[in-house]
N, C-alpha and C. Protein backbone atom coordinates (compact mmCIF):
# COMPACT_ATOMS: atom_id res chain seq x y z
N MET A 1 47.86 13.84 -48.07
CA MET A 1 48.29 15.15 -47.64
C MET A 1 49.80 15.29 -47.79
N TYR A 2 50.57 14.31 -47.38
CA TYR A 2 52.01 14.39 -47.50
C TYR A 2 52.44 13.50 -48.65
N SER A 3 53.22 14.07 -49.56
CA SER A 3 53.49 13.38 -50.81
C SER A 3 54.50 12.25 -50.70
N LYS A 4 55.51 12.38 -49.89
CA LYS A 4 56.58 11.39 -49.88
C LYS A 4 56.75 10.67 -48.54
N HIS A 5 56.01 11.04 -47.55
CA HIS A 5 56.24 10.50 -46.22
C HIS A 5 55.00 9.76 -45.73
N ASN A 6 55.23 8.60 -45.14
CA ASN A 6 54.12 7.86 -44.56
C ASN A 6 53.76 8.39 -43.18
N VAL A 7 54.76 8.89 -42.46
CA VAL A 7 54.55 9.41 -41.11
C VAL A 7 55.07 10.84 -41.06
N CYS A 8 54.26 11.73 -40.57
CA CYS A 8 54.69 13.13 -40.43
C CYS A 8 55.71 13.23 -39.30
N PRO A 9 56.69 14.13 -39.43
CA PRO A 9 57.71 14.25 -38.37
C PRO A 9 57.13 14.51 -36.99
N HIS A 10 56.11 15.37 -36.89
CA HIS A 10 55.55 15.66 -35.57
C HIS A 10 54.82 14.45 -34.99
N ASP A 11 54.26 13.60 -35.86
CA ASP A 11 53.65 12.36 -35.37
C ASP A 11 54.72 11.37 -34.92
N PHE A 12 55.81 11.30 -35.67
CA PHE A 12 56.90 10.38 -35.34
C PHE A 12 57.48 10.71 -33.97
N TYR A 13 57.71 11.99 -33.71
CA TYR A 13 58.29 12.41 -32.44
C TYR A 13 57.23 12.67 -31.37
N ASN A 14 55.96 12.46 -31.72
CA ASN A 14 54.85 12.65 -30.80
C ASN A 14 54.83 14.06 -30.20
N VAL A 15 54.95 15.04 -31.08
CA VAL A 15 54.96 16.45 -30.69
C VAL A 15 53.68 17.10 -31.19
N GLN A 16 53.04 17.86 -30.33
CA GLN A 16 51.84 18.59 -30.74
C GLN A 16 52.25 19.80 -31.56
N ILE A 17 51.52 20.07 -32.63
CA ILE A 17 51.80 21.26 -33.43
C ILE A 17 50.62 22.20 -33.34
N ASN A 18 50.90 23.48 -33.45
CA ASN A 18 49.82 24.45 -33.38
C ASN A 18 49.25 24.71 -34.78
N ASP A 19 48.25 25.55 -34.84
CA ASP A 19 47.55 25.80 -36.10
C ASP A 19 48.47 26.44 -37.14
N MET A 20 49.33 27.37 -36.73
CA MET A 20 50.23 28.02 -37.68
C MET A 20 51.22 27.01 -38.25
N ALA A 21 51.76 26.15 -37.41
CA ALA A 21 52.68 25.12 -37.90
C ALA A 21 51.97 24.19 -38.88
N ARG A 22 50.74 23.84 -38.58
CA ARG A 22 49.96 22.97 -39.48
C ARG A 22 49.76 23.65 -40.83
N ARG A 23 49.47 24.94 -40.82
CA ARG A 23 49.29 25.68 -42.08
C ARG A 23 50.58 25.72 -42.89
N LEU A 24 51.71 25.92 -42.20
CA LEU A 24 52.99 25.94 -42.90
C LEU A 24 53.30 24.58 -43.52
N ILE A 25 53.05 23.52 -42.77
CA ILE A 25 53.28 22.17 -43.30
C ILE A 25 52.44 21.94 -44.54
N LEU A 26 51.17 22.31 -44.48
CA LEU A 26 50.28 22.13 -45.63
C LEU A 26 50.74 22.97 -46.82
N ALA A 27 51.17 24.20 -46.56
CA ALA A 27 51.62 25.07 -47.65
C ALA A 27 52.85 24.50 -48.33
N PHE A 28 53.83 24.05 -47.56
CA PHE A 28 55.03 23.49 -48.17
C PHE A 28 54.74 22.18 -48.87
N THR A 29 53.84 21.38 -48.33
CA THR A 29 53.46 20.13 -48.99
C THR A 29 52.81 20.42 -50.33
N ASP A 30 51.89 21.37 -50.36
CA ASP A 30 51.25 21.75 -51.62
C ASP A 30 52.28 22.27 -52.61
N TYR A 31 53.24 23.06 -52.13
CA TYR A 31 54.29 23.60 -53.00
C TYR A 31 55.12 22.47 -53.60
N GLU A 32 55.50 21.48 -52.78
CA GLU A 32 56.29 20.35 -53.27
C GLU A 32 55.53 19.57 -54.33
N ILE A 33 54.24 19.36 -54.11
CA ILE A 33 53.43 18.62 -55.07
C ILE A 33 53.36 19.37 -56.40
N GLU A 34 53.16 20.68 -56.34
CA GLU A 34 53.09 21.49 -57.57
C GLU A 34 54.43 21.46 -58.30
N GLU A 35 55.53 21.54 -57.57
CA GLU A 35 56.85 21.49 -58.21
C GLU A 35 57.07 20.15 -58.89
N GLU A 36 56.66 19.05 -58.24
CA GLU A 36 56.81 17.73 -58.85
C GLU A 36 55.96 17.61 -60.11
N LYS A 37 54.77 18.20 -60.10
CA LYS A 37 53.92 18.19 -61.30
C LYS A 37 54.58 18.95 -62.43
N LYS A 38 55.18 20.10 -62.12
CA LYS A 38 55.86 20.90 -63.15
C LYS A 38 57.03 20.13 -63.75
N ILE A 39 57.81 19.47 -62.91
CA ILE A 39 58.95 18.69 -63.39
C ILE A 39 58.48 17.54 -64.28
N ALA A 40 57.43 16.86 -63.86
CA ALA A 40 56.89 15.75 -64.65
C ALA A 40 56.37 16.25 -65.99
N GLU A 41 55.71 17.40 -66.00
CA GLU A 41 55.19 17.97 -67.24
C GLU A 41 56.33 18.35 -68.18
N GLN A 42 57.38 18.94 -67.64
CA GLN A 42 58.54 19.30 -68.46
C GLN A 42 59.21 18.05 -69.02
N ALA A 43 59.27 16.99 -68.24
CA ALA A 43 59.87 15.74 -68.71
C ALA A 43 59.04 15.14 -69.84
N ARG A 44 57.71 15.21 -69.71
CA ARG A 44 56.85 14.70 -70.78
C ARG A 44 57.01 15.50 -72.06
N LYS A 45 57.12 16.82 -71.92
CA LYS A 45 57.30 17.67 -73.10
C LYS A 45 58.66 17.41 -73.75
N GLY A 46 59.67 17.17 -72.94
CA GLY A 46 61.01 16.90 -73.46
C GLY A 46 61.13 15.53 -74.11
N ALA A 47 60.27 14.60 -73.73
CA ALA A 47 60.32 13.23 -74.27
C ALA A 47 59.67 13.14 -75.64
N ARG A 48 58.94 14.15 -76.03
CA ARG A 48 58.26 14.11 -77.33
C ARG A 48 59.17 14.36 -78.47
């Protein structure tokens, strides 16, 4: 679920998060993963 972190910040600080916060975390995580895929694809195209 989280691309670069072994422990989520709310788990580290032992803070409960609500459903909206969970949705935001998931949305930003998905966005980061997609951006990393785009960068990797551009790097592969540039290496050819």
